[in-house]
PDB file of all heavy atoms in Angstrom:
ATOM      1  N   ILE A   1       0.838  -1.213   0.001  1.00  0.00           N
ATOM      2  CA  ILE A   1       0.002   0.003   0.005  1.00  0.00           C
ATOM      3  C   ILE A   1       0.872   1.263   0.000  1.00  0.00           C
ATOM      4  O   ILE A   1       0.513   2.267   0.581  1.00  0.00           O
ATOM      5  CB  ILE A   1      -0.969   0.025   1.187  1.00  0.00           C
ATOM      6  CG1 ILE A   1      -0.229  -0.081   2.523  1.00  0.00           C
ATOM      7  CG2 ILE A   1      -2.008  -1.084   1.055  1.00  0.00           C
ATOM      8  CD1 ILE A   1      -1.136   0.175   3.736  1.00  0.00           C
ATOM      9  N   ALA A   2       2.018   1.188  -0.672  1.00  0.00           N
ATOM     10  CA  ALA A   2       2.954   2.302  -0.720  1.00  0.00           C
ATOM     11  C   ALA A   2       2.294   3.580  -1.274  1.00  0.00           C
ATOM     12  O   ALA A   2       2.515   4.687  -0.750  1.00  0.00           O
ATOM     13  CB  ALA A   2       4.187   1.932  -1.551  1.00  0.00           C
ATOM     14  N   VAL A   3       1.507   3.434  -2.324  1.00  0.00           N
ATOM     15  CA  VAL A   3       0.866   4.593  -2.932  1.00  0.00           C
ATOM     16  C   VAL A   3      -0.133   5.231  -1.965  1.00  0.00           C
ATOM     17  O   VAL A   3      -0.210   6.461  -1.832  1.00  0.00           O
ATOM     18  CB  VAL A   3       0.190   4.227  -4.274  1.00  0.00           C
ATOM     19  CG1 VAL A   3      -0.611   5.411  -4.814  1.00  0.00           C
ATOM     20  CG2 VAL A   3       1.238   3.776  -5.268  1.00  0.00           C
ATOM     21  N   LEU A   4      -0.928   4.403  -1.292  1.00  0.00           N
ATOM     22  CA  LEU A   4      -1.893   4.902  -0.318  1.00  0.00           C
ATOM     23  C   LEU A   4      -1.176   5.672   0.798  1.00  0.00           C
ATOM     24  O   LEU A   4      -1.610   6.772   1.197  1.00  0.00           O
ATOM     25  CB  LEU A   4      -2.689   3.747   0.253  1.00  0.00           C
ATOM     26  CG  LEU A   4      -3.716   4.091   1.353  1.00  0.00           C
ATOM     27  CD1 LEU A   4      -4.740   5.072   0.829  1.00  0.00           C
ATOM     28  CD2 LEU A   4      -4.403   2.835   1.862  1.00  0.00           C
ATOM     29  N   ILE A   5      -0.078   5.121   1.306  1.00  0.00           N
ATOM     30  CA  ILE A   5       0.698   5.803   2.346  1.00  0.00           C
ATOM     31  C   ILE A   5       1.247   7.111   1.839  1.00  0.00           C
ATOM     32  O   ILE A   5       1.219   8.135   2.529  1.00  0.00           O
ATOM     33  CB  ILE A   5       1.818   4.881   2.866  1.00  0.00           C
ATOM     34  CG1 ILE A   5       1.210   3.654   3.579  1.00  0.00           C
ATOM     35  CG2 ILE A   5       2.761   5.617   3.808  1.00  0.00           C
ATOM     36  CD1 ILE A   5       2.252   2.620   3.969  1.00  0.00           C
ATOM     37  N   GLY A   6       1.759   7.095   0.602  1.00  0.00           N
ATOM     38  CA  GLY A   6       2.272   8.334   0.021  1.00  0.00           C
ATOM     39  C   GLY A   6       1.204   9.406  -0.105  1.00  0.00           C
ATOM     40  O   GLY A   6       1.449  10.600   0.186  1.00  0.00           O
ATOM     41  N   LEU A   7       0.004   9.021  -0.517  1.00  0.00           N
ATOM     42  CA  LEU A   7      -1.106   9.987  -0.626  1.00  0.00           C
ATOM     43  C   LEU A   7      -1.487  10.547   0.730  1.00  0.00           C
ATOM     44  O   LEU A   7      -1.745  11.763   0.878  1.00  0.00           O
ATOM     45  CB  LEU A   7      -2.317   9.325  -1.279  1.00  0.00           C
ATOM     46  CG  LEU A   7      -2.187   8.982  -2.767  1.00  0.00           C
ATOM     47  CD1 LEU A   7      -3.363   8.118  -3.220  1.00  0.00           C
ATOM     48  CD2 LEU A   7      -2.122  10.249  -3.601  1.00  0.00           C
ATOM     49  N   LEU A   8      -1.536   9.695   1.756  1.00  0.00           N
ATOM     50  CA  LEU A   8      -1.906  10.145   3.093  1.00  0.00           C
ATOM     51  C   LEU A   8      -0.855  11.075   3.684  1.00  0.00           C
ATOM     52  O   LEU A   8      -1.201  12.154   4.199  1.00  0.00           O
ATOM     53  CB  LEU A   8      -2.110   8.942   4.019  1.00  0.00           C
ATOM     54  CG  LEU A   8      -3.320   8.026   3.691  1.00  0.00           C
ATOM     55  CD1 LEU A   8      -3.329   6.818   4.595  1.00  0.00           C
ATOM     56  CD2 LEU A   8      -4.625   8.822   3.849  1.00  0.00           C
ATOM     57  N   VAL A   9       0.401  10.702   3.581  1.00  0.00           N
ATOM     58  CA  VAL A   9       1.473  11.554   4.133  1.00  0.00           C
ATOM     59  C   VAL A   9       1.521  12.877   3.382  1.00  0.00           C
ATOM     60  O   VAL A   9       1.628  13.951   3.996  1.00  0.00           O
ATOM     61  CB  VAL A   9       2.844  10.813   4.034  1.00  0.00           C
ATOM     62  CG1 VAL A   9       3.981  11.782   4.430  1.00  0.00           C
ATOM     63  CG2 VAL A   9       2.859   9.608   4.939  1.00  0.00           C
ATOM     64  N   GLY A  10       1.428  12.822   2.051  1.00  0.00           N
ATOM     65  CA  GLY A  10       1.450  14.057   1.264  1.00  0.00           C
ATOM     66  C   GLY A  10       0.307  14.992   1.619  1.00  0.00           C
ATOM     67  O   GLY A  10       0.492  16.232   1.730  1.00  0.00           O
ATOM     68  N   THR A  11      -0.894  14.408   1.818  1.00  0.00           N
ATOM     69  CA  THR A  11      -2.069  15.245   2.152  1.00  0.00           C
ATOM     70  C   THR A  11      -1.945  15.851   3.543  1.00  0.00           C
ATOM     71  O   THR A  11      -2.295  17.028   3.748  1.00  0.00           O
ATOM     72  CB  THR A  11      -3.334  14.398   2.070  1.00  0.00           C
ATOM     73  OG1 THR A  11      -3.481  13.843   0.746  1.00  0.00           O
ATOM     74  CG2 THR A  11      -4.575  15.224   2.391  1.00  0.00           C
ATOM     75  N   ILE A  12      -1.434  15.089   4.501  1.00  0.00           N
ATOM     76  CA  ILE A  12      -1.250  15.611   5.865  1.00  0.00           C
ATOM     77  C   ILE A  12      -0.263  16.754   5.882  1.00  0.00           C
ATOM     78  O   ILE A  12      -0.511  17.811   6.493  1.00  0.00           O
ATOM     79  CB  ILE A  12      -0.793  14.472   6.826  1.00  0.00           C
ATOM     80  CG1 ILE A  12      -1.939  13.446   7.017  1.00  0.00           C
ATOM     81  CG2 ILE A  12      -0.370  15.034   8.172  1.00  0.00           C
ATOM     82  CD1 ILE A  12      -1.513  12.196   7.722  1.00  0.00           C
ATOM     83  N   VAL A  13       0.856  16.581   5.181  1.00  0.00           N
ATOM     84  CA  VAL A  13       1.863  17.664   5.123  1.00  0.00           C
ATOM     85  C   VAL A  13       1.289  18.865   4.414  1.00  0.00           C
ATOM     86  O   VAL A  13       1.474  20.023   4.838  1.00  0.00           O
ATOM     87  CB  VAL A  13       3.132  17.160   4.430  1.00  0.00           C
ATOM     88  CG1 VAL A  13       4.097  18.348   4.185  1.00  0.00           C
ATOM     89  CG2 VAL A  13       3.813  16.076   5.239  1.00  0.00           C
ATOM     90  N   ALA A  14       0.547  18.630   3.343  1.00  0.00           N
ATOM     91  CA  ALA A  14      -0.074  19.744   2.583  1.00  0.00           C
ATOM     92  C   ALA A  14      -1.094  20.481   3.461  1.00  0.00           C
ATOM     93  O   ALA A  14      -1.240  21.700   3.356  1.00  0.00           O
ATOM     94  CB  ALA A  14      -0.745  19.216   1.325  1.00  0.00           C
ATOM     95  N   ALA A  15      -1.791  19.758   4.338  1.00  0.00           N
ATOM     96  CA  ALA A  15      -2.761  20.395   5.233  1.00  0.00           C
ATOM     97  C   ALA A  15      -2.077  21.365   6.173  1.00  0.00           C
ATOM     98  O   ALA A  15      -2.575  22.478   6.431  1.00  0.00           O
ATOM     99  CB  ALA A  15      -3.501  19.326   6.028  1.00  0.00           C
ATOM    100  N   PHE A  16      -0.911  20.987   6.705  1.00  0.00           N
ATOM    101  CA  PHE A  16      -0.157  21.896   7.579  1.00  0.00           C
ATOM    102  C   PHE A  16       0.345  23.122   6.798  1.00  0.00           C
ATOM    103  O   PHE A  16       0.629  24.152   7.395  1.00  0.00           O
ATOM    104  CB  PHE A  16       1.013  21.160   8.219  1.00  0.00           C
ATOM    105  CG  PHE A  16       0.626  20.278   9.369  1.00  0.00           C
ATOM    106  CD1 PHE A  16       0.627  18.903   9.239  1.00  0.00           C
ATOM    107  CD2 PHE A  16       0.235  20.841  10.589  1.00  0.00           C
ATOM    108  CE1 PHE A  16       0.248  18.089  10.300  1.00  0.00           C
ATOM    109  CE2 PHE A  16      -0.127  20.038  11.647  1.00  0.00           C
ATOM    110  CZ  PHE A  16      -0.122  18.660  11.518  1.00  0.00           C
ATOM    111  N   MET A  17       0.463  22.976   5.510  1.00  0.00           N
ATOM    112  CA  MET A  17       0.931  24.094   4.662  1.00  0.00           C
ATOM    113  C   MET A  17      -0.242  24.913   4.115  1.00  0.00           C
ATOM    114  O   MET A  17      -0.031  25.824   3.308  1.00  0.00           O
ATOM    115  CB  MET A  17       1.758  23.546   3.499  1.00  0.00           C
ATOM    116  CG  MET A  17       3.031  22.804   3.947  1.00  0.00           C
ATOM    117  SD  MET A  17       3.866  21.925   2.591  1.00  0.00           S
ATOM    118  CE  MET A  17       4.394  23.281   1.569  1.00  0.00           C
ATOM    119  N   GLY A  18      -1.446  24.627   4.566  1.00  0.00           N
ATOM    120  CA  GLY A  18      -2.628  25.372   4.160  1.00  0.00           C
ATOM    121  C   GLY A  18      -3.118  25.060   2.752  1.00  0.00           C
ATOM    122  O   GLY A  18      -3.779  25.877   2.130  1.00  0.00           O
ATOM    123  N   MET A  19      -2.816  23.865   2.249  1.00  0.00           N
ATOM    124  CA  MET A  19      -3.160  23.515   0.862  1.00  0.00           C
ATOM    125  C   MET A  19      -4.364  22.602   0.785  1.00  0.00           C
ATOM    126  O   MET A  19      -4.730  22.132  -0.301  1.00  0.00           O
ATOM    127  CB  MET A  19      -1.959  22.813   0.189  1.00  0.00           C
ATOM    128  CG  MET A  19      -0.722  23.708   0.101  1.00  0.00           C
ATOM    129  SD  MET A  19       0.723  22.802  -0.559  1.00  0.00           S
ATOM    130  CE  MET A  19       0.170  22.424  -2.225  1.00  0.00           C
ATOM    131  N   VAL A  20      -5.013  22.326   1.914  1.00  0.00           N
ATOM    132  CA  VAL A  20      -6.169  21.418   1.945  1.00  0.00           C
ATOM    133  C   VAL A  20      -7.405  22.202   2.380  1.00  0.00           C
ATOM    134  O   VAL A  20      -7.374  22.874   3.409  1.00  0.00           O
ATOM    135  CB  VAL A  20      -5.933  20.224   2.879  1.00  0.00           C
ATOM    136  CG1 VAL A  20      -7.186  19.365   2.990  1.00  0.00           C
ATOM    137  CG2 VAL A  20      -4.761  19.385   2.381  1.00  0.00           C
ATOM    138  N   SER A  21      -8.463  22.089   1.595  1.00  0.00           N
ATOM    139  CA  SER A  21      -9.727  22.765   1.930  1.00  0.00           C
ATOM    140  C   SER A  21     -10.801  21.727   2.206  1.00  0.00           C
ATOM    141  O   SER A  21     -10.961  20.782   1.432  1.00  0.00           O
ATOM    142  CB  SER A  21     -10.160  23.674   0.778  1.00  0.00           C
ATOM    143  OG  SER A  21     -11.475  24.182   1.026  1.00  0.00           O
ATOM    144  N   LEU A  22     -11.528  21.921   3.292  1.00  0.00           N
ATOM    145  CA  LEU A  22     -12.630  21.014   3.652  1.00  0.00           C
ATOM    146  C   LEU A  22     -13.986  21.521   3.152  1.00  0.00           C
ATOM    147  O   LEU A  22     -15.025  20.935   3.443  1.00  0.00           O
ATOM    148  CB  LEU A  22     -12.688  20.836   5.169  1.00  0.00           C
ATOM    149  CG  LEU A  22     -11.479  20.161   5.822  1.00  0.00           C
ATOM    150  CD1 LEU A  22     -11.646  20.101   7.329  1.00  0.00           C
ATOM    151  CD2 LEU A  22     -11.278  18.762   5.266  1.00  0.00           C
ATOM    152  N   GLN A  23     -13.952  22.597   2.365  1.00  0.00           N
ATOM    153  CA  GLN A  23     -15.207  23.172   1.860  1.00  0.00           C
ATOM    154  C   GLN A  23     -16.027  22.194   1.027  1.00  0.00           C
ATOM    155  O   GLN A  23     -17.263  22.132   1.173  1.00  0.00           O
ATOM    156  CB  GLN A  23     -14.923  24.431   1.048  1.00  0.00           C
ATOM    157  CG  GLN A  23     -16.177  25.168   0.589  1.00  0.00           C
ATOM    158  CD  GLN A  23     -15.859  26.461  -0.122  1.00  0.00           C
ATOM    159  OE1 GLN A  23     -14.686  26.850  -0.251  1.00  0.00           O
ATOM    160  NE2 GLN A  23     -16.874  27.138  -0.608  1.00  0.00           N
ATOM    161  N   PRO A  24     -15.387  21.382   0.115  1.00  0.00           N
ATOM    162  CA  PRO A  24     -16.200  20.412  -0.646  1.00  0.00           C
ATOM    163  C   PRO A  24     -16.967  19.446   0.238  1.00  0.00           C
ATOM    164  O   PRO A  24     -18.094  19.044  -0.102  1.00  0.00           O
ATOM    165  CB  PRO A  24     -15.146  19.675  -1.477  1.00  0.00           C
ATOM    166  CG  PRO A  24     -14.008  20.629  -1.603  1.00  0.00           C
ATOM    167  CD  PRO A  24     -13.983  21.366  -0.301  1.00  0.00           C
ATOM    168  N   VAL A  25     -16.402  19.075   1.382  1.00  0.00           N
ATOM    169  CA  VAL A  25     -17.092  18.152   2.298  1.00  0.00           C
ATOM    170  C   VAL A  25     -18.275  18.859   2.932  1.00  0.00           C
ATOM    171  O   VAL A  25     -19.368  18.293   3.078  1.00  0.00           O
ATOM    172  CB  VAL A  25     -16.102  17.635   3.373  1.00  0.00           C
ATOM    173  CG1 VAL A  25     -16.827  16.688   4.332  1.00  0.00           C
ATOM    174  CG2 VAL A  25     -14.912  16.947   2.729  1.00  0.00           C
ATOM    175  N   ALA A  26     -18.064  20.101   3.362  1.00  0.00           N
ATOM    176  CA  ALA A  26     -19.130  20.849   4.026  1.00  0.00           C
ATOM    177  C   ALA A  26     -20.314  21.118   3.089  1.00  0.00           C
ATOM    178  O   ALA A  26     -21.469  21.104   3.500  1.00  0.00           O
ATOM    179  CB  ALA A  26     -18.577  22.177   4.549  1.00  0.00           C
ATOM    180  N   GLU A  27     -20.031  21.337   1.804  1.00  0.00           N
ATOM    181  CA  GLU A  27     -21.084  21.693   0.857  1.00  0.00           C
ATOM    182  C   GLU A  27     -21.818  20.489   0.297  1.00  0.00           C
ATOM    183  O   GLU A  27     -22.937  20.611  -0.223  1.00  0.00           O
ATOM    184  CB  GLU A  27     -20.487  22.501  -0.286  1.00  0.00           C
ATOM    185  CG  GLU A  27     -19.960  23.879   0.120  1.00  0.00           C
ATOM    186  CD  GLU A  27     -19.346  24.623  -1.058  1.00  0.00           C
ATOM    187  OE1 GLU A  27     -19.157  23.988  -2.115  1.00  0.00           O
ATOM    188  OE2 GLU A  27     -19.055  25.813  -0.893  1.00  0.00           O
ATOM    189  N   ALA A  28     -21.242  19.317   0.381  1.00  0.00           N
ATOM    190  CA  ALA A  28     -21.862  18.106  -0.203  1.00  0.00           C
ATOM    191  C   ALA A  28     -23.069  17.662   0.608  1.00  0.00           C
ATOM    192  O   ALA A  28     -23.119  17.859   1.832  1.00  0.00           O
ATOM    193  CB  ALA A  28     -20.838  16.994  -0.306  1.00  0.00           C
ATOM    194  N   SER A  29     -24.025  17.029  -0.072  1.00  0.00           N
ATOM    195  CA  SER A  29     -25.219  16.511   0.619  1.00  0.00           C
ATOM    196  C   SER A  29     -24.891  15.165   1.245  1.00  0.00           C
ATOM    197  O   SER A  29     -23.876  14.547   0.954  1.00  0.00           O
ATOM    198  CB  SER A  29     -26.364  16.362  -0.370  1.00  0.00           C
ATOM    199  OG  SER A  29     -25.986  15.526  -1.441  1.00  0.00           O
ATOM    200  N   TRP A  30     -25.786  14.687   2.130  1.00  0.00           N
ATOM    201  CA  TRP A  30     -25.550  13.437   2.821  1.00  0.00           C
ATOM    202  C   TRP A  30     -25.977  12.207   2.023  1.00  0.00           C
ATOM    203  O   TRP A  30     -25.357  11.159   2.096  1.00  0.00           O
ATOM    204  CB  TRP A  30     -26.290  13.433   4.168  1.00  0.00           C
ATOM    205  CG  TRP A  30     -25.572  14.178   5.237  1.00  0.00           C
ATOM    206  CD1 TRP A  30     -25.901  15.421   5.740  1.00  0.00           C
ATOM    207  CD2 TRP A  30     -24.398  13.786   5.940  1.00  0.00           C
ATOM    208  NE1 TRP A  30     -25.004  15.822   6.700  1.00  0.00           N
ATOM    209  CE2 TRP A  30     -24.054  14.814   6.856  1.00  0.00           C
ATOM    210  CE3 TRP A  30     -23.590  12.647   5.881  1.00  0.00           C
ATOM    211  CZ2 TRP A  30     -22.974  14.739   7.710  1.00  0.00           C
ATOM    212  CZ3 TRP A  30     -22.493  12.570   6.735  1.00  0.00           C
ATOM    213  CH2 TRP A  30     -22.186  13.603   7.640  1.00  0.00           C
ATOM    214  N   LEU A  31     -27.041  12.336   1.247  1.00  0.00           N
ATOM    215  CA  LEU A  31     -27.600  11.163   0.564  1.00  0.00           C
ATOM    216  C   LEU A  31     -28.095  11.543  -0.818  1.00  0.00           C
ATOM    217  O   LEU A  31     -28.651  12.612  -0.992  1.00  0.00           O
ATOM    218  CB  LEU A  31     -28.743  10.575   1.393  1.00  0.00           C
ATOM    219  CG  LEU A  31     -29.247   9.181   1.027  1.00  0.00           C
ATOM    220  CD1 LEU A  31     -28.162   8.141   1.222  1.00  0.00           C
ATOM    221  CD2 LEU A  31     -30.479   8.829   1.869  1.00  0.00           C
ATOM    222  N   HIS A  32     -27.844  10.626  -1.793  1.00  0.00           N
ATOM    223  CA  HIS A  32     -28.266  10.898  -3.167  1.00  0.00           C
ATOM    224  C   HIS A  32     -28.524   9.553  -3.843  1.00  0.00           C
ATOM    225  O   HIS A  32     -27.746   8.616  -3.685  1.00  0.00           O
ATOM    226  CB  HIS A  32     -27.163  11.654  -3.912  1.00  0.00           C
ATOM    227  CG  HIS A  32     -27.705  12.601  -4.938  1.00  0.00           C
ATOM    228  ND1 HIS A  32     -27.367  13.931  -5.008  1.00  0.00           N
ATOM    229  CD2 HIS A  32     -28.556  12.398  -5.974  1.00  0.00           C
ATOM    230  CE1 HIS A  32     -27.994  14.504  -6.013  1.00  0.00           C
ATOM    231  NE2 HIS A  32     -28.710  13.596  -6.613  1.00  0.00           N
ATOM    232  N   PHE A  33     -29.592   9.472  -4.604  1.00  0.00           N
ATOM    233  CA  PHE A  33     -29.914   8.232  -5.339  1.00  0.00           C
ATOM    234  C   PHE A  33     -29.922   8.490  -6.843  1.00  0.00           C
ATOM    235  O   PHE A  33     -30.325   9.558  -7.301  1.00  0.00           O
ATOM    236  CB  PHE A  33     -31.284   7.687  -4.913  1.00  0.00           C
ATOM    237  CG  PHE A  33     -31.302   7.165  -3.514  1.00  0.00           C
ATOM    238  CD1 PHE A  33     -31.843   7.926  -2.476  1.00  0.00           C
ATOM    239  CD2 PHE A  33     -30.788   5.915  -3.203  1.00  0.00           C
ATOM    240  CE1 PHE A  33     -31.873   7.457  -1.167  1.00  0.00           C
ATOM    241  CE2 PHE A  33     -30.791   5.438  -1.886  1.00  0.00           C
ATOM    242  CZ  PHE A  33     -31.335   6.207  -0.877  1.00  0.00           C
ATOM    243  N   PRO A  34     -29.491   7.494  -7.610  1.00  0.00           N
ATOM    244  CA  PRO A  34     -29.500   7.657  -9.084  1.00  0.00           C
ATOM    245  C   PRO A  34     -30.920   7.698  -9.612  1.00  0.00           C
ATOM    246  O   PRO A  34     -31.796   6.974  -9.126  1.00  0.00           O
ATOM    247  CB  PRO A  34     -28.738   6.425  -9.581  1.00  0.00           C
ATOM    248  CG  PRO A  34     -28.848   5.426  -8.468  1.00  0.00           C
ATOM    249  CD  PRO A  34     -28.893   6.203  -7.205  1.00  0.00           C
ATOM    250  N   GLN A  35     -31.151   8.554 -10.611  1.00  0.00           N
ATOM    251  CA  GLN A  35     -32.479   8.683 -11.214  1.00  0.00           C
ATOM    252  C   GLN A  35     -32.296   8.577 -12.730  1.00  0.00           C
ATOM    253  O   GLN A  35     -31.561   9.364 -13.319  1.00  0.00           O
ATOM    254  CB  GLN A  35     -33.101  10.034 -10.884  1.00  0.00           C
ATOM    255  CG  GLN A  35     -33.297  10.279  -9.398  1.00  0.00           C
ATOM    256  CD  GLN A  35     -33.839  11.677  -9.137  1.00  0.00           C
ATOM    257  OE1 GLN A  35     -34.649  12.194  -9.919  1.00  0.00           O
ATOM    258  NE2 GLN A  35     -33.393  12.298  -8.058  1.00  0.00           N
ATOM    259  N   PRO A  36     -32.988   7.623 -13.377  1.00  0.00           N
ATOM    260  CA  PRO A  36     -32.908   7.531 -14.844  1.00  0.00           C
ATOM    261  C   PRO A  36     -33.395   8.830 -15.504  1.00  0.00           C
ATOM    262  O   PRO A  36     -34.390   9.415 -15.075  1.00  0.00           O
ATOM    263  CB  PRO A  36     -33.791   6.345 -15.177  1.00  0.00           C
ATOM    264  CG  PRO A  36     -33.906   5.571 -13.914  1.00  0.00           C
ATOM    265  CD  PRO A  36     -33.837   6.580 -12.800  1.00  0.00           C
ATOM    266  N   PHE A  37     -32.668   9.251 -16.519  1.00  0.00           N
ATOM    267  CA  PHE A  37     -33.033  10.430 -17.313  1.00  0.00           C
ATOM    268  C   PHE A  37     -33.285  11.653 -16.434  1.00  0.00           C
ATOM    269  O   PHE A  37     -34.313  12.357 -16.572  1.00  0.00           O
ATOM    270  CB  PHE A  37     -34.256  10.117 -18.178  1.00  0.00           C
ATOM    271  CG  PHE A  37     -34.093   8.886 -19.016  1.00  0.00           C
ATOM    272  CD1 PHE A  37     -34.936   7.792 -18.866  1.00  0.00           C
ATOM    273  CD2 PHE A  37     -33.048   8.773 -19.941  1.00  0.00           C
ATOM    274  CE1 PHE A  37     -34.761   6.639 -19.622  1.00  0.00           C
ATOM    275  CE2 PHE A  37     -32.883   7.631 -20.705  1.00  0.00           C
ATOM    276  CZ  PHE A  37     -33.741   6.556 -20.550  1.00  0.00           C
ATOM    277  N   TYR A  38     -32.358  11.911 -15.532  1.00  0.00           N
ATOM    278  CA  TYR A  38     -32.463  13.030 -14.597  1.00  0.00           C
ATOM    279  C   TYR A  38     -32.595  14.353 -15.356  1.00  0.00           C
ATOM    280  O   TYR A  38     -33.299  15.274 -14.909  1.00  0.00           O
ATOM    281  CB  TYR A  38     -31.224  13.036 -13.705  1.00  0.00           C
ATOM    282  CG  TYR A  38     -31.174  14.138 -12.667  1.00  0.00           C
ATOM    283  CD1 TYR A  38     -31.798  14.017 -11.443  1.00  0.00           C
ATOM    284  CD2 TYR A  38     -30.465  15.309 -12.928  1.00  0.00           C
ATOM    285  CE1 TYR A  38     -31.742  15.013 -10.492  1.00  0.00           C
ATOM    286  CE2 TYR A  38     -30.388  16.333 -11.987  1.00  0.00           C
ATOM    287  CZ  TYR A  38     -31.030  16.181 -10.763  1.00  0.00           C
ATOM    288  OH  TYR A  38     -30.954  17.176  -9.830  1.00  0.00           O
ATOM    289  N   PHE A  39     -31.895  14.481 -16.488  1.00  0.00           N
ATOM    290  CA  PHE A  39     -31.894  15.724 -17.262  1.00  0.00           C
ATOM    291  C   PHE A  39     -32.898  15.694 -18.429  1.00  0.00           C
ATOM    292  O   PHE A  39     -32.855  16.531 -19.312  1.00  0.00           O
ATOM    293  CB  PHE A  39     -30.495  16.038 -17.805  1.00  0.00           C
ATOM    294  CG  PHE A  39     -29.500  16.318 -16.725  1.00  0.00           C
ATOM    295  CD1 PHE A  39     -28.477  15.413 -16.451  1.00  0.00           C
ATOM    296  CD2 PHE A  39     -29.566  17.483 -15.981  1.00  0.00           C
ATOM    297  CE1 PHE A  39     -27.543  15.668 -15.437  1.00  0.00           C
ATOM    298  CE2 PHE A  39     -28.636  17.747 -14.976  1.00  0.00           C
ATOM    299  CZ  PHE A  39     -27.635  16.849 -14.708  1.00  0.00           C
ATOM    300  N   GLY A  40     -33.779  14.722 -18.428  1.00  0.00           N
ATOM    301  CA  GLY A  40     -34.782  14.641 -19.481  1.00  0.00           C
ATOM    302  C   GLY A  40     -34.558  13.445 -20.409  1.00  0.00           C
ATOM    303  O   GLY A  40     -33.560  12.743 -20.326  1.00  0.00           O
ATOM    304  N   ALA A  41     -35.495  13.234 -21.314  1.00  0.00           N
ATOM    305  CA  ALA A  41     -35.442  12.090 -22.215  1.00  0.00           C
ATOM    306  C   ALA A  41     -34.321  12.255 -23.241  1.00  0.00           C
ATOM    307  O   ALA A  41     -34.009  13.378 -23.642  1.00  0.00           O
ATOM    308  CB  ALA A  41     -36.777  11.941 -22.944  1.00  0.00           C
ATOM    309  N   PRO A  42     -33.707  11.158 -23.663  1.00  0.00           N
ATOM    310  CA  PRO A  42     -32.623  11.253 -24.653  1.00  0.00           C
ATOM    311  C   PRO A  42     -33.154  11.603 -26.045  1.00  0.00           C
ATOM    312  O   PRO A  42     -34.319  11.280 -26.384  1.00  0.00           O
ATOM    313  CB  PRO A  42     -32.007   9.857 -24.619  1.00  0.00           C
ATOM    314  CG  PRO A  42     -33.124   8.950 -24.186  1.00  0.00           C
ATOM    315  CD  PRO A  42     -33.946   9.778 -23.219  1.00  0.00           C
ATOM    316  N   HIS A  43     -32.322  12.248 -26.814  1.00  0.00           N
ATOM    317  CA  HIS A  43     -32.650  12.565 -28.207  1.00  0.00           C
ATOM    318  C   HIS A  43     -31.548  12.007 -29.087  1.00  0.00           C
ATOM    319  O   HIS A  43     -30.363  12.169 -28.783  1.00  0.00           O
ATOM    320  CB  HIS A  43     -32.787  14.082 -28.415  1.00  0.00           C
ATOM    321  CG  HIS A  43     -33.020  14.491 -29.826  1.00  0.00           C
ATOM    322  ND1 HIS A  43     -34.186  14.216 -30.477  1.00  0.00           N
ATOM    323  CD2 HIS A  43     -32.241  15.127 -30.719  1.00  0.00           C
ATOM    324  CE1 HIS A  43     -34.137  14.677 -31.723  1.00  0.00           C
ATOM    325  NE2 HIS A  43     -32.938  15.221 -31.890  1.00  0.00           N
ATOM    326  N   PHE A  44     -31.923  11.350 -30.174  1.00  0.00           N
ATOM    327  CA  PHE A  44     -30.929  10.675 -31.027  1.00  0.00           C
ATOM    328  C   PHE A  44     -30.731  11.463 -32.325  1.00  0.00           C
ATOM    329  O   PHE A  44     -31.659  11.625 -33.109  1.00  0.00           O
ATOM    330  CB  PHE A  44     -31.380   9.239 -31.316  1.00  0.00           C
ATOM    331  CG  PHE A  44     -31.551   8.425 -30.053  1.00  0.00           C
ATOM    332  CD1 PHE A  44     -32.823   8.289 -29.456  1.00  0.00           C
ATOM    333  CD2 PHE A  44     -30.459   7.801 -29.463  1.00  0.00           C
ATOM    334  CE1 PHE A  44     -32.971   7.560 -28.295  1.00  0.00           C
ATOM    335  CE2 PHE A  44     -30.610   7.057 -28.283  1.00  0.00           C
ATOM    336  CZ  PHE A  44     -31.858   6.938 -27.712  1.00  0.00           C
ATOM    337  N   GLU A  45     -29.508  11.934 -32.498  1.00  0.00           N
ATOM    338  CA  GLU A  45     -29.132  12.737 -33.663  1.00  0.00           C
ATOM    339  C   GLU A  45     -27.924  12.090 -34.309  1.00  0.00           C
ATOM    340  O   GLU A  45     -26.926  11.811 -33.632  1.00  0.00           O
ATOM    341  CB  GLU A  45     -28.842  14.173 -33.211  1.00  0.00           C
ATOM    342  CG  GLU A  45     -28.699  15.175 -34.351  1.00  0.00           C
ATOM    343  CD  GLU A  45     -27.304  15.214 -34.901  1.00  0.00           C
ATOM    344  OE1 GLU A  45     -26.328  15.016 -34.112  1.00  0.00           O
ATOM    345  OE2 GLU A  45     -27.137  15.434 -36.112  1.00  0.00           O
ATOM    346  N   TRP A  46     -27.943  11.886 -35.628  1.00  0.00           N
ATOM    347  CA  TRP A  46     -26.983  10.974 -36.282  1.00  0.00           C
ATOM    348  C   TRP A  46     -25.522  11.463 -36.178  1.00  0.00           C
ATOM    349  O   TRP A  46     -24.614  10.646 -35.932  1.00  0.00           O
ATOM    350  CB  TRP A  46     -27.382  10.779 -37.744  1.00  0.00           C
ATOM    351  CG  TRP A  46     -27.107  11.992 -38.634  1.00  0.00           C
ATOM    352  CD1 TRP A  46     -27.977  12.993 -38.911  1.00  0.00           C
ATOM    353  CD2 TRP A  46     -25.886  12.283 -39.318  1.00  0.00           C
ATOM    354  NE1 TRP A  46     -27.380  13.929 -39.734  1.00  0.00           N
ATOM    355  CE2 TRP A  46     -26.081  13.503 -40.014  1.00  0.00           C
ATOM    356  CE3 TRP A  46     -24.659  11.651 -39.431  1.00  0.00           C
ATOM    357  CZ2 TRP A  46     -25.102  14.095 -40.792  1.00  0.00           C
ATOM    358  CZ3 TRP A  46     -23.656  12.234 -40.221  1.00  0.00           C
ATOM    359  CH2 TRP A  46     -23.896  13.457 -40.891  1.00  0.00           C
TER     360      TRP A  46
END
């Protein structure tokens, strides 16, 4: 798991350097379900 350890260590060090933002976590919703054709019915153009 060398790559995983590298990502964790790099992120922790970057956090101390002010390079990590938790805003995406705060803004995300808690629960979401997939919905077919969420943006409307498909249209087929050649």
